Amino acid sequence: MKRNALIVLCIILIISTGCVPVLIGGAGIVTGYMMSNDSAIGDVRVSYRELWDISIEVLQNSDKVEIIETNESKGRIKIKMDGVDLTVKINTLDSENQQLKVSARKYMLPKPKYAQKIFFNIVKELE
């Protein structure tokens, strides 16, 4: 009984802090996922090159997306979608694990729905 209460408490803490574990595919490409006020952030099990190429491909093939700037050495892509400014940022954790962060703002106000949409579009292509 105490064990079940502890599990429920852990789940409530995870949900209340905004961290939601997401497993996609058989091996689990995304090991964790978190929403902040303007960002979707997750650790992804792929090489930097693969994540960068897929991110560019997804953005180029997305409707209403205009790529403003790309900087591969800094792992940053700036785009505009429906008047919302988005930034896709890739940080290397190790050779096979990257952190993908997509943030979105319009008129300095957070737009997490757009960040989440782009984040999941990129992750879906990695499957």
Protein backbone atom coordinates (compact mmCIF):
# COMPACT_ATOMS: atom_id res chain seq x y z
CA MET A 1 0.00 0.00 0.00
CA LYS A 2 2.83 2.43 0.87
CA ARG A 3 4.56 1.58 -2.38
CA ASN A 4 1.44 2.50 -4.41
CA ALA A 5 1.13 5.80 -2.54
CA LEU A 6 4.79 6.55 -3.31
CA ILE A 7 4.28 5.81 -7.00
CA VAL A 8 1.21 8.06 -7.15
CA LEU A 9 3.12 10.84 -5.36
CA CYS A 10 6.00 10.55 -7.87
CA ILE A 11 3.60 10.75 -10.80
CA ILE A 12 1.91 13.84 -9.33
CA LEU A 13 5.30 15.51 -8.80
CA ILE A 14 6.38 14.77 -12.37
CA ILE A 15 3.15 16.12 -13.84
CA SER A 16 3.08 19.22 -11.63
CA THR A 17 6.64 20.19 -12.57
CA GLY A 18 5.91 19.90 -16.29
CA CYS A 19 8.18 16.96 -16.95
CA VAL A 20 6.45 14.22 -18.86
CA PRO A 21 8.41 11.14 -19.92
CA VAL A 22 7.83 10.24 -23.53
CA LEU A 23 8.96 7.01 -25.15
CA ILE A 24 8.68 6.89 -28.90
CA GLY A 25 9.51 3.87 -31.01
CA GLY A 26 10.80 0.54 -29.79
CA ALA A 27 14.05 1.76 -28.29
CA GLY A 28 12.69 5.11 -27.09
CA ILE A 29 14.15 7.93 -29.16
CA VAL A 30 13.05 10.60 -26.67
CA THR A 31 14.11 9.75 -23.13
CA GLY A 32 12.31 12.65 -21.45
CA TYR A 33 10.21 15.62 -22.37
CA MET A 34 9.51 18.87 -20.55
CA MET A 35 7.40 21.92 -21.30
CA SER A 36 8.30 25.35 -19.95
CA ASN A 37 6.31 28.52 -20.50
CA ASP A 38 7.64 28.94 -24.06
CA SER A 39 9.64 25.79 -24.82
CA ALA A 40 9.49 22.07 -25.48
CA ILE A 41 12.71 20.37 -24.37
CA GLY A 42 13.75 16.75 -24.65
CA ASP A 43 16.77 14.46 -24.75
CA VAL A 44 17.00 12.56 -28.01
CA ARG A 45 19.05 9.40 -28.70
CA VAL A 46 20.57 10.19 -32.09
CA SER A 47 23.78 11.67 -33.44
CA TYR A 48 24.08 15.44 -33.85
CA ARG A 49 24.31 15.11 -37.64
CA GLU A 50 21.13 13.04 -37.89
CA LEU A 51 19.15 15.39 -35.64
CA TRP A 52 20.39 18.48 -37.50
CA ASP A 53 19.56 17.04 -40.94
CA ILE A 54 16.10 15.84 -39.86
CA SER A 55 15.34 19.19 -38.21
CA ILE A 56 16.22 21.12 -41.38
CA GLU A 57 14.24 18.68 -43.53
CA VAL A 58 11.13 18.88 -41.31
CA LEU A 59 11.24 22.68 -41.22
CA GLN A 60 11.72 22.99 -44.99
CA ASN A 61 8.75 20.68 -45.61
CA SER A 62 6.43 22.31 -43.05
CA ASP A 63 3.61 24.57 -44.17
CA LYS A 64 3.84 28.26 -43.25
CA VAL A 65 7.43 27.91 -41.99
CA GLU A 66 10.07 30.37 -43.10
CA ILE A 67 13.67 29.61 -42.13
CA ILE A 68 15.27 32.90 -41.06
CA GLU A 69 18.73 31.74 -39.96
CA THR A 70 20.70 28.52 -39.58
CA ASN A 71 23.94 28.14 -37.63
CA GLU A 72 25.04 24.52 -37.58
CA SER A 73 28.15 25.13 -35.45
CA LYS A 74 25.96 26.63 -32.69
CA GLY A 75 23.13 24.14 -33.29
CA ARG A 76 20.57 26.88 -33.83
CA ILE A 77 17.79 27.36 -36.39
CA LYS A 78 15.55 30.43 -36.29
CA ILE A 79 12.20 30.25 -38.04
CA LYS A 80 8.95 32.16 -38.36
CA MET A 81 5.57 30.38 -38.44
CA ASP A 82 2.22 32.20 -38.47
CA GLY A 83 3.93 35.33 -37.15
CA VAL A 84 5.51 33.39 -34.26
CA ASP A 85 9.29 33.49 -33.80
CA LEU A 86 10.68 30.02 -33.07
CA THR A 87 14.17 28.84 -32.25
CA VAL A 88 15.30 25.23 -32.57
CA LYS A 89 18.40 24.57 -30.48
CA ILE A 90 20.46 21.36 -30.41
CA ASN A 91 22.93 20.82 -27.55
CA THR A 92 25.22 17.79 -27.56
CA LEU A 93 25.15 15.71 -24.39
CA ASP A 94 27.43 13.00 -25.82
CA SER A 95 28.06 11.46 -29.25
CA GLU A 96 24.69 9.66 -29.37
CA ASN A 97 22.53 11.89 -27.15
CA GLN A 98 21.37 15.41 -27.93
CA GLN A 99 19.10 17.87 -26.20
CA LEU A 100 16.48 19.34 -28.52
CA LYS A 101 14.86 22.59 -27.43
CA VAL A 102 12.20 24.43 -29.41
CA SER A 103 11.07 27.79 -28.06
CA ALA A 104 8.31 30.02 -29.44
CA ARG A 105 7.27 33.63 -28.81
CA LYS A 106 5.06 36.17 -30.50
CA TYR A 107 5.33 39.81 -29.43
CA MET A 108 7.47 38.59 -26.51
CA LEU A 109 4.61 36.39 -25.26
CA PRO A 110 5.19 32.61 -24.96
CA LYS A 111 3.50 30.33 -27.50
CA PRO A 112 4.21 26.81 -26.20
CA LYS A 113 1.69 25.20 -28.57
CA TYR A 114 3.90 26.11 -31.56
CA ALA A 115 7.06 24.91 -29.81
CA GLN A 116 5.43 21.59 -28.98
CA LYS A 117 4.18 21.13 -32.56
CA ILE A 118 7.63 21.63 -34.11
CA PHE A 119 9.30 19.50 -31.41
CA PHE A 120 7.01 16.54 -32.05
CA ASN A 121 7.23 16.94 -35.84
CA ILE A 122 11.01 16.59 -35.60
CA VAL A 123 10.86 13.66 -33.15
CA LYS A 124 8.24 11.88 -35.28
CA GLU A 125 10.59 11.99 -38.29
CA LEU A 126 13.30 10.33 -36.23
CA GLU A 127 11.22 7.18 -35.69
